[in-house]
PDB file of all heavy atoms in Angstrom:
ATOM      1  N   THR A   1      58.237  -7.520 -76.508  1.00  0.00           N
ATOM      2  CA  THR A   1      56.919  -7.548 -77.097  1.00  0.00           C
ATOM      3  C   THR A   1      56.567  -8.963 -77.471  1.00  0.00           C
ATOM      4  O   THR A   1      57.460  -9.798 -77.672  1.00  0.00           O
ATOM      5  CB  THR A   1      56.829  -6.623 -78.296  1.00  0.00           C
ATOM      6  OG1 THR A   1      57.853  -6.990 -79.211  1.00  0.00           O
ATOM      7  CG2 THR A   1      56.963  -5.164 -77.909  1.00  0.00           C
ATOM      8  N   PRO A   2      55.306  -9.224 -77.572  1.00  0.00           N
ATOM      9  CA  PRO A   2      54.184  -8.381 -77.296  1.00  0.00           C
ATOM     10  C   PRO A   2      54.070  -8.125 -75.791  1.00  0.00           C
ATOM     11  O   PRO A   2      54.476  -8.958 -74.963  1.00  0.00           O
ATOM     12  CB  PRO A   2      53.008  -9.104 -77.834  1.00  0.00           C
ATOM     13  CG  PRO A   2      53.359 -10.512 -77.757  1.00  0.00           C
ATOM     14  CD  PRO A   2      54.860 -10.603 -77.953  1.00  0.00           C
ATOM     15  N   LEU A   3      53.470  -6.986 -75.420  1.00  0.00           N
ATOM     16  CA  LEU A   3      53.024  -6.718 -74.096  1.00  0.00           C
ATOM     17  C   LEU A   3      51.519  -6.452 -74.228  1.00  0.00           C
ATOM     18  O   LEU A   3      51.147  -5.553 -74.932  1.00  0.00           O
ATOM     19  CB  LEU A   3      53.698  -5.505 -73.497  1.00  0.00           C
ATOM     20  CG  LEU A   3      53.201  -5.016 -72.139  1.00  0.00           C
ATOM     21  CD1 LEU A   3      53.331  -6.085 -71.111  1.00  0.00           C
ATOM     22  CD2 LEU A   3      53.937  -3.720 -71.715  1.00  0.00           C
ATOM     23  N   ILE A   4      50.759  -7.252 -73.513  1.00  0.00           N
ATOM     24  CA  ILE A   4      49.275  -7.093 -73.521  1.00  0.00           C
ATOM     25  C   ILE A   4      48.850  -6.638 -72.117  1.00  0.00           C
ATOM     26  O   ILE A   4      49.172  -7.412 -71.139  1.00  0.00           O
ATOM     27  CB  ILE A   4      48.579  -8.408 -73.945  1.00  0.00           C
ATOM     28  CG1 ILE A   4      49.086  -8.846 -75.326  1.00  0.00           C
ATOM     29  CG2 ILE A   4      47.065  -8.214 -73.924  1.00  0.00           C
ATOM     30  CD1 ILE A   4      48.608 -10.252 -75.703  1.00  0.00           C
ATOM     31  N   CYS A   5      48.288  -5.529 -72.015  1.00  0.00           N
ATOM     32  CA  CYS A   5      47.741  -5.014 -70.743  1.00  0.00           C
ATOM     33  C   CYS A   5      46.256  -5.224 -70.774  1.00  0.00           C
ATOM     34  O   CYS A   5      45.572  -4.650 -71.599  1.00  0.00           O
ATOM     35  CB  CYS A   5      48.124  -3.586 -70.561  1.00  0.00           C
ATOM     36  SG  CYS A   5      49.916  -3.295 -70.509  1.00  0.00           S
ATOM     37  N   ILE A   6      45.720  -6.008 -69.861  1.00  0.00           N
ATOM     38  CA  ILE A   6      44.322  -6.356 -69.823  1.00  0.00           C
ATOM     39  C   ILE A   6      43.804  -6.188 -68.414  1.00  0.00           C
ATOM     40  O   ILE A   6      43.933  -7.114 -67.597  1.00  0.00           O
ATOM     41  CB  ILE A   6      44.132  -7.768 -70.413  1.00  0.00           C
ATOM     42  CG1 ILE A   6      42.668  -8.168 -70.445  1.00  0.00           C
ATOM     43  CG2 ILE A   6      44.997  -8.804 -69.803  1.00  0.00           C
ATOM     44  CD1 ILE A   6      42.360  -9.433 -71.210  1.00  0.00           C
ATOM     45  N   GLY A   7      43.244  -5.002 -68.140  1.00  0.00           N
ATOM     46  CA  GLY A   7      42.747  -4.788 -66.783  1.00  0.00           C
ATOM     47  C   GLY A   7      43.886  -4.738 -65.751  1.00  0.00           C
ATOM     48  O   GLY A   7      44.828  -3.990 -65.885  1.00  0.00           O
ATOM     49  N   ASN A   8      43.778  -5.595 -64.788  1.00  0.00           N
ATOM     50  CA  ASN A   8      44.782  -5.681 -63.723  1.00  0.00           C
ATOM     51  C   ASN A   8      45.802  -6.764 -63.953  1.00  0.00           C
ATOM     52  O   ASN A   8      46.471  -7.180 -63.044  1.00  0.00           O
ATOM     53  CB  ASN A   8      44.102  -5.849 -62.392  1.00  0.00           C
ATOM     54  CG  ASN A   8      43.256  -4.672 -61.979  1.00  0.00           C
ATOM     55  OD1 ASN A   8      43.722  -3.543 -62.086  1.00  0.00           O
ATOM     56  ND2 ASN A   8      42.061  -4.857 -61.499  1.00  0.00           N
ATOM     57  N   ASN A   9      45.891  -7.236 -65.212  1.00  0.00           N
ATOM     58  CA  ASN A   9      46.798  -8.258 -65.579  1.00  0.00           C
ATOM     59  C   ASN A   9      47.609  -7.880 -66.793  1.00  0.00           C
ATOM     60  O   ASN A   9      47.181  -7.013 -67.557  1.00  0.00           O
ATOM     61  CB  ASN A   9      46.089  -9.613 -65.801  1.00  0.00           C
ATOM     62  CG  ASN A   9      45.436 -10.160 -64.603  1.00  0.00           C
ATOM     63  OD1 ASN A   9      46.080 -10.584 -63.650  1.00  0.00           O
ATOM     64  ND2 ASN A   9      44.078 -10.004 -64.553  1.00  0.00           N
ATOM     65  N   TYR A  10      48.701  -8.602 -67.058  1.00  0.00           N
ATOM     66  CA  TYR A  10      49.464  -8.386 -68.259  1.00  0.00           C
ATOM     67  C   TYR A  10      50.027  -9.693 -68.742  1.00  0.00           C
ATOM     68  O   TYR A  10      50.206 -10.639 -67.965  1.00  0.00           O
ATOM     69  CB  TYR A  10      50.584  -7.357 -68.009  1.00  0.00           C
ATOM     70  CG  TYR A  10      51.730  -7.912 -67.214  1.00  0.00           C
ATOM     71  CD1 TYR A  10      52.822  -8.481 -67.799  1.00  0.00           C
ATOM     72  CD2 TYR A  10      51.693  -7.846 -65.801  1.00  0.00           C
ATOM     73  CE1 TYR A  10      53.862  -9.001 -67.066  1.00  0.00           C
ATOM     74  CE2 TYR A  10      52.729  -8.354 -65.057  1.00  0.00           C
ATOM     75  CZ  TYR A  10      53.822  -8.929 -65.662  1.00  0.00           C
ATOM     76  OH  TYR A  10      54.856  -9.431 -64.957  1.00  0.00           O
ATOM     77  N   ILE A  11      50.349  -9.657 -70.021  1.00  0.00           N
ATOM     78  CA  ILE A  11      51.104 -10.796 -70.637  1.00  0.00           C
ATOM     79  C   ILE A  11      52.296 -10.232 -71.335  1.00  0.00           C
ATOM     80  O   ILE A  11      52.149  -9.260 -72.162  1.00  0.00           O
ATOM     81  CB  ILE A  11      50.204 -11.592 -71.616  1.00  0.00           C
ATOM     82  CG1 ILE A  11      49.023 -12.196 -70.895  1.00  0.00           C
ATOM     83  CG2 ILE A  11      51.003 -12.619 -72.378  1.00  0.00           C
ATOM     84  CD1 ILE A  11      47.995 -12.836 -71.800  1.00  0.00           C
ATOM     85  N   LEU A  12      53.474 -10.729 -71.010  1.00  0.00           N
ATOM     86  CA  LEU A  12      54.699 -10.277 -71.707  1.00  0.00           C
ATOM     87  C   LEU A  12      55.291 -11.428 -72.461  1.00  0.00           C
ATOM     88  O   LEU A  12      55.532 -12.463 -71.903  1.00  0.00           O
ATOM     89  CB  LEU A  12      55.719  -9.748 -70.646  1.00  0.00           C
ATOM     90  CG  LEU A  12      57.040  -9.241 -71.207  1.00  0.00           C
ATOM     91  CD1 LEU A  12      56.812  -8.050 -72.136  1.00  0.00           C
ATOM     92  CD2 LEU A  12      57.910  -8.825 -70.021  1.00  0.00           C
ATOM     93  N   GLY A  13      55.422 -11.282 -73.774  1.00  0.00           N
ATOM     94  CA  GLY A  13      55.922 -12.347 -74.621  1.00  0.00           C
ATOM     95  C   GLY A  13      54.685 -13.142 -75.089  1.00  0.00           C
ATOM     96  O   GLY A  13      53.541 -12.903 -74.775  1.00  0.00           O
ATOM     97  N   TRP A  14      54.959 -14.258 -75.853  1.00  0.00           N
ATOM     98  CA  TRP A  14      53.904 -15.048 -76.332  1.00  0.00           C
ATOM     99  C   TRP A  14      54.331 -16.480 -76.608  1.00  0.00           C
ATOM    100  O   TRP A  14      55.462 -16.715 -77.067  1.00  0.00           O
ATOM    101  CB  TRP A  14      53.249 -14.509 -77.612  1.00  0.00           C
ATOM    102  CG  TRP A  14      51.966 -15.178 -77.936  1.00  0.00           C
ATOM    103  CD1 TRP A  14      51.712 -16.113 -78.854  1.00  0.00           C
ATOM    104  CD2 TRP A  14      50.716 -14.892 -77.314  1.00  0.00           C
ATOM    105  NE1 TRP A  14      50.391 -16.454 -78.860  1.00  0.00           N
ATOM    106  CE2 TRP A  14      49.770 -15.725 -77.864  1.00  0.00           C
ATOM    107  CE3 TRP A  14      50.332 -14.051 -76.256  1.00  0.00           C
ATOM    108  CZ2 TRP A  14      48.421 -15.739 -77.487  1.00  0.00           C
ATOM    109  CZ3 TRP A  14      48.989 -14.021 -75.876  1.00  0.00           C
ATOM    110  CH2 TRP A  14      48.061 -14.891 -76.485  1.00  0.00           C
ATOM    111  N   SER A  15      53.527 -17.447 -76.199  1.00  0.00           N
ATOM    112  CA  SER A  15      53.707 -18.852 -76.428  1.00  0.00           C
ATOM    113  C   SER A  15      52.334 -19.512 -76.267  1.00  0.00           C
ATOM    114  O   SER A  15      51.379 -18.836 -75.866  1.00  0.00           O
ATOM    115  CB  SER A  15      54.774 -19.445 -75.496  1.00  0.00           C
ATOM    116  OG  SER A  15      54.324 -19.304 -74.170  1.00  0.00           O
ATOM    117  N   LYS A  16      52.279 -20.796 -76.468  1.00  0.00           N
ATOM    118  CA  LYS A  16      51.028 -21.535 -76.321  1.00  0.00           C
ATOM    119  C   LYS A  16      50.422 -21.361 -74.909  1.00  0.00           C
ATOM    120  O   LYS A  16      49.164 -21.173 -74.788  1.00  0.00           O
ATOM    121  CB  LYS A  16      51.158 -23.032 -76.643  1.00  0.00           C
ATOM    122  CG  LYS A  16      51.225 -23.327 -78.091  1.00  0.00           C
ATOM    123  CD  LYS A  16      49.863 -23.151 -78.724  1.00  0.00           C
ATOM    124  CE  LYS A  16      49.901 -23.478 -80.185  1.00  0.00           C
ATOM    125  NZ  LYS A  16      48.688 -23.121 -80.877  1.00  0.00           N
ATOM    126  N   ASN A  17      51.213 -21.395 -73.875  1.00  0.00           N
ATOM    127  CA  ASN A  17      50.661 -21.277 -72.515  1.00  0.00           C
ATOM    128  C   ASN A  17      50.146 -19.859 -72.233  1.00  0.00           C
ATOM    129  O   ASN A  17      49.287 -19.700 -71.389  1.00  0.00           O
ATOM    130  CB  ASN A  17      51.666 -21.721 -71.463  1.00  0.00           C
ATOM    131  CG  ASN A  17      52.901 -20.843 -71.419  1.00  0.00           C
ATOM    132  OD1 ASN A  17      53.311 -20.258 -72.427  1.00  0.00           O
ATOM    133  ND2 ASN A  17      53.503 -20.699 -70.262  1.00  0.00           N
ATOM    134  N   LYS A  18      50.564 -18.893 -73.010  1.00  0.00           N
ATOM    135  CA  LYS A  18      50.053 -17.531 -72.880  1.00  0.00           C
ATOM    136  C   LYS A  18      48.657 -17.447 -73.386  1.00  0.00           C
ATOM    137  O   LYS A  18      47.880 -16.543 -72.919  1.00  0.00           O
ATOM    138  CB  LYS A  18      50.975 -16.511 -73.613  1.00  0.00           C
ATOM    139  CG  LYS A  18      52.393 -16.523 -73.178  1.00  0.00           C
ATOM    140  CD  LYS A  18      52.575 -15.845 -71.837  1.00  0.00           C
ATOM    141  CE  LYS A  18      54.077 -15.830 -71.589  1.00  0.00           C
ATOM    142  NZ  LYS A  18      54.455 -14.959 -70.489  1.00  0.00           N
ATOM    143  N   GLU A  19      48.221 -18.332 -74.290  1.00  0.00           N
ATOM    144  CA  GLU A  19      46.846 -18.351 -74.746  1.00  0.00           C
ATOM    145  C   GLU A  19      45.868 -18.612 -73.595  1.00  0.00           C
ATOM    146  O   GLU A  19      44.860 -17.958 -73.457  1.00  0.00           O
ATOM    147  CB  GLU A  19      46.683 -19.393 -75.849  1.00  0.00           C
ATOM    148  CG  GLU A  19      47.467 -19.074 -77.098  1.00  0.00           C
ATOM    149  CD  GLU A  19      47.316 -20.166 -78.177  1.00  0.00           C
ATOM    150  OE1 GLU A  19      46.567 -21.148 -77.941  1.00  0.00           O
ATOM    151  OE2 GLU A  19      48.020 -20.072 -79.224  1.00  0.00           O
ATOM    152  N   GLU A  20      46.273 -19.584 -72.740  1.00  0.00           N
ATOM    153  CA  GLU A  20      45.420 -19.875 -71.578  1.00  0.00           C
ATOM    154  C   GLU A  20      45.424 -18.729 -70.609  1.00  0.00           C
ATOM    155  O   GLU A  20      44.349 -18.402 -70.021  1.00  0.00           O
ATOM    156  CB  GLU A  20      45.950 -21.158 -70.838  1.00  0.00           C
ATOM    157  CG  GLU A  20      45.706 -22.391 -71.680  1.00  0.00           C
ATOM    158  CD  GLU A  20      44.203 -22.623 -72.077  1.00  0.00           C
ATOM    159  OE1 GLU A  20      43.378 -22.438 -71.259  1.00  0.00           O
ATOM    160  OE2 GLU A  20      43.999 -22.929 -73.255  1.00  0.00           O
ATOM    161  N   ASP A  21      46.576 -18.040 -70.447  1.00  0.00           N
ATOM    162  CA  ASP A  21      46.601 -16.876 -69.537  1.00  0.00           C
ATOM    163  C   ASP A  21      45.666 -15.799 -70.085  1.00  0.00           C
ATOM    164  O   ASP A  21      44.915 -15.196 -69.331  1.00  0.00           O
ATOM    165  CB  ASP A  21      48.038 -16.310 -69.513  1.00  0.00           C
ATOM    166  CG  ASP A  21      48.953 -17.180 -68.737  1.00  0.00           C
ATOM    167  OD1 ASP A  21      48.490 -18.053 -67.946  1.00  0.00           O
ATOM    168  OD2 ASP A  21      50.218 -16.971 -68.871  1.00  0.00           O
ATOM    169  N   PHE A  22      45.629 -15.609 -71.405  1.00  0.00           N
ATOM    170  CA  PHE A  22      44.802 -14.599 -72.011  1.00  0.00           C
ATOM    171  C   PHE A  22      43.348 -14.933 -71.691  1.00  0.00           C
ATOM    172  O   PHE A  22      42.559 -14.008 -71.338  1.00  0.00           O
ATOM    173  CB  PHE A  22      45.019 -14.415 -73.498  1.00  0.00           C
ATOM    174  CG  PHE A  22      44.259 -13.325 -74.066  1.00  0.00           C
ATOM    175  CD1 PHE A  22      44.680 -12.022 -74.081  1.00  0.00           C
ATOM    176  CD2 PHE A  22      42.988 -13.564 -74.670  1.00  0.00           C
ATOM    177  CE1 PHE A  22      43.951 -10.972 -74.584  1.00  0.00           C
ATOM    178  CE2 PHE A  22      42.253 -12.549 -75.212  1.00  0.00           C
ATOM    179  CZ  PHE A  22      42.720 -11.234 -75.106  1.00  0.00           C
ATOM    180  N   LYS A  23      42.979 -16.130 -71.918  1.00  0.00           N
ATOM    181  CA  LYS A  23      41.546 -16.530 -71.701  1.00  0.00           C
ATOM    182  C   LYS A  23      41.150 -16.251 -70.228  1.00  0.00           C
ATOM    183  O   LYS A  23      40.070 -15.741 -69.949  1.00  0.00           O
ATOM    184  CB  LYS A  23      41.374 -18.063 -72.001  1.00  0.00           C
ATOM    185  CG  LYS A  23      41.500 -18.341 -73.497  1.00  0.00           C
ATOM    186  CD  LYS A  23      41.445 -19.808 -73.742  1.00  0.00           C
ATOM    187  CE  LYS A  23      41.711 -20.169 -75.127  1.00  0.00           C
ATOM    188  NZ  LYS A  23      41.762 -21.640 -75.409  1.00  0.00           N
ATOM    189  N   LYS A  24      42.041 -16.651 -69.302  1.00  0.00           N
ATOM    190  CA  LYS A  24      41.762 -16.479 -67.869  1.00  0.00           C
ATOM    191  C   LYS A  24      41.687 -14.975 -67.559  1.00  0.00           C
ATOM    192  O   LYS A  24      40.733 -14.511 -66.862  1.00  0.00           O
ATOM    193  CB  LYS A  24      42.903 -17.143 -67.016  1.00  0.00           C
ATOM    194  CG  LYS A  24      42.730 -16.942 -65.562  1.00  0.00           C
ATOM    195  CD  LYS A  24      43.815 -17.729 -64.795  1.00  0.00           C
ATOM    196  CE  LYS A  24      45.095 -16.995 -64.990  1.00  0.00           C
ATOM    197  NZ  LYS A  24      46.237 -17.512 -64.210  1.00  0.00           N
ATOM    198  N   PHE A  25      42.632 -14.208 -68.051  1.00  0.00           N
ATOM    199  CA  PHE A  25      42.646 -12.792 -67.739  1.00  0.00           C
ATOM    200  C   PHE A  25      41.444 -12.045 -68.435  1.00  0.00           C
ATOM    201  O   PHE A  25      40.917 -11.061 -67.889  1.00  0.00           O
ATOM    202  CB  PHE A  25      43.949 -12.100 -68.237  1.00  0.00           C
ATOM    203  CG  PHE A  25      45.197 -12.547 -67.512  1.00  0.00           C
ATOM    204  CD1 PHE A  25      46.424 -12.447 -68.118  1.00  0.00           C
ATOM    205  CD2 PHE A  25      45.093 -13.103 -66.232  1.00  0.00           C
ATOM    206  CE1 PHE A  25      47.578 -12.892 -67.487  1.00  0.00           C
ATOM    207  CE2 PHE A  25      46.224 -13.542 -65.543  1.00  0.00           C
ATOM    208  CZ  PHE A  25      47.475 -13.444 -66.170  1.00  0.00           C
ATOM    209  N   LEU A  26      41.039 -12.559 -69.580  1.00  0.00           N
ATOM    210  CA  LEU A  26      39.850 -11.929 -70.209  1.00  0.00           C
ATOM    211  C   LEU A  26      38.567 -12.141 -69.402  1.00  0.00           C
ATOM    212  O   LEU A  26      37.805 -11.208 -69.245  1.00  0.00           O
ATOM    213  CB  LEU A  26      39.667 -12.519 -71.614  1.00  0.00           C
ATOM    214  CG  LEU A  26      38.497 -11.977 -72.424  1.00  0.00           C
ATOM    215  CD1 LEU A  26      38.679 -10.458 -72.660  1.00  0.00           C
ATOM    216  CD2 LEU A  26      38.403 -12.688 -73.752  1.00  0.00           C
ATOM    217  N   GLU A  27      38.435 -13.296 -68.759  1.00  0.00           N
ATOM    218  CA  GLU A  27      37.265 -13.557 -67.922  1.00  0.00           C
ATOM    219  C   GLU A  27      37.315 -12.578 -66.741  1.00  0.00           C
ATOM    220  O   GLU A  27      36.303 -12.025 -66.358  1.00  0.00           O
ATOM    221  CB  GLU A  27      37.250 -15.024 -67.425  1.00  0.00           C
ATOM    222  CG  GLU A  27      36.790 -15.975 -68.532  1.00  0.00           C
ATOM    223  CD  GLU A  27      35.389 -15.575 -69.068  1.00  0.00           C
ATOM    224  OE1 GLU A  27      34.466 -15.344 -68.289  1.00  0.00           O
ATOM    225  OE2 GLU A  27      35.266 -15.544 -70.296  1.00  0.00           O
ATOM    226  N   GLN A  28      38.471 -12.446 -66.132  1.00  0.00           N
ATOM    227  CA  GLN A  28      38.606 -11.542 -64.994  1.00  0.00           C
ATOM    228  C   GLN A  28      38.335 -10.085 -65.428  1.00  0.00           C
ATOM    229  O   GLN A  28      37.634  -9.358 -64.691  1.00  0.00           O
ATOM    230  CB  GLN A  28      40.044 -11.611 -64.378  1.00  0.00           C
ATOM    231  CG  GLN A  28      40.363 -12.909 -63.703  1.00  0.00           C
ATOM    232  CD  GLN A  28      41.794 -13.052 -63.290  1.00  0.00           C
ATOM    233  OE1 GLN A  28      42.593 -12.050 -63.419  1.00  0.00           O
ATOM    234  NE2 GLN A  28      42.174 -14.200 -62.776  1.00  0.00           N
ATOM    235  N   PHE A  29      38.819  -9.750 -66.572  1.00  0.00           N
ATOM    236  CA  PHE A  29      38.620  -8.390 -67.161  1.00  0.00           C
ATOM    237  C   PHE A  29      37.147  -8.132 -67.361  1.00  0.00           C
ATOM    238  O   PHE A  29      36.652  -7.009 -67.005  1.00  0.00           O
ATOM    239  CB  PHE A  29      39.383  -8.294 -68.437  1.00  0.00           C
ATOM    240  CG  PHE A  29      39.207  -6.997 -69.194  1.00  0.00           C
ATOM    241  CD1 PHE A  29      39.842  -5.842 -68.721  1.00  0.00           C
ATOM    242  CD2 PHE A  29      38.468  -6.905 -70.330  1.00  0.00           C
ATOM    243  CE1 PHE A  29      39.737  -4.617 -69.378  1.00  0.00           C
ATOM    244  CE2 PHE A  29      38.365  -5.682 -71.016  1.00  0.00           C
ATOM    245  CZ  PHE A  29      38.971  -4.539 -70.526  1.00  0.00           C
TER     246      PHE A  29
END
């Protein structure tokens, strides 16, 4: 954890670079 499921993407774990992944996945979502 954390496991974030956002549409057709996911994020497993968390660090600073995951913040950018979240922003990108949110736009796709």
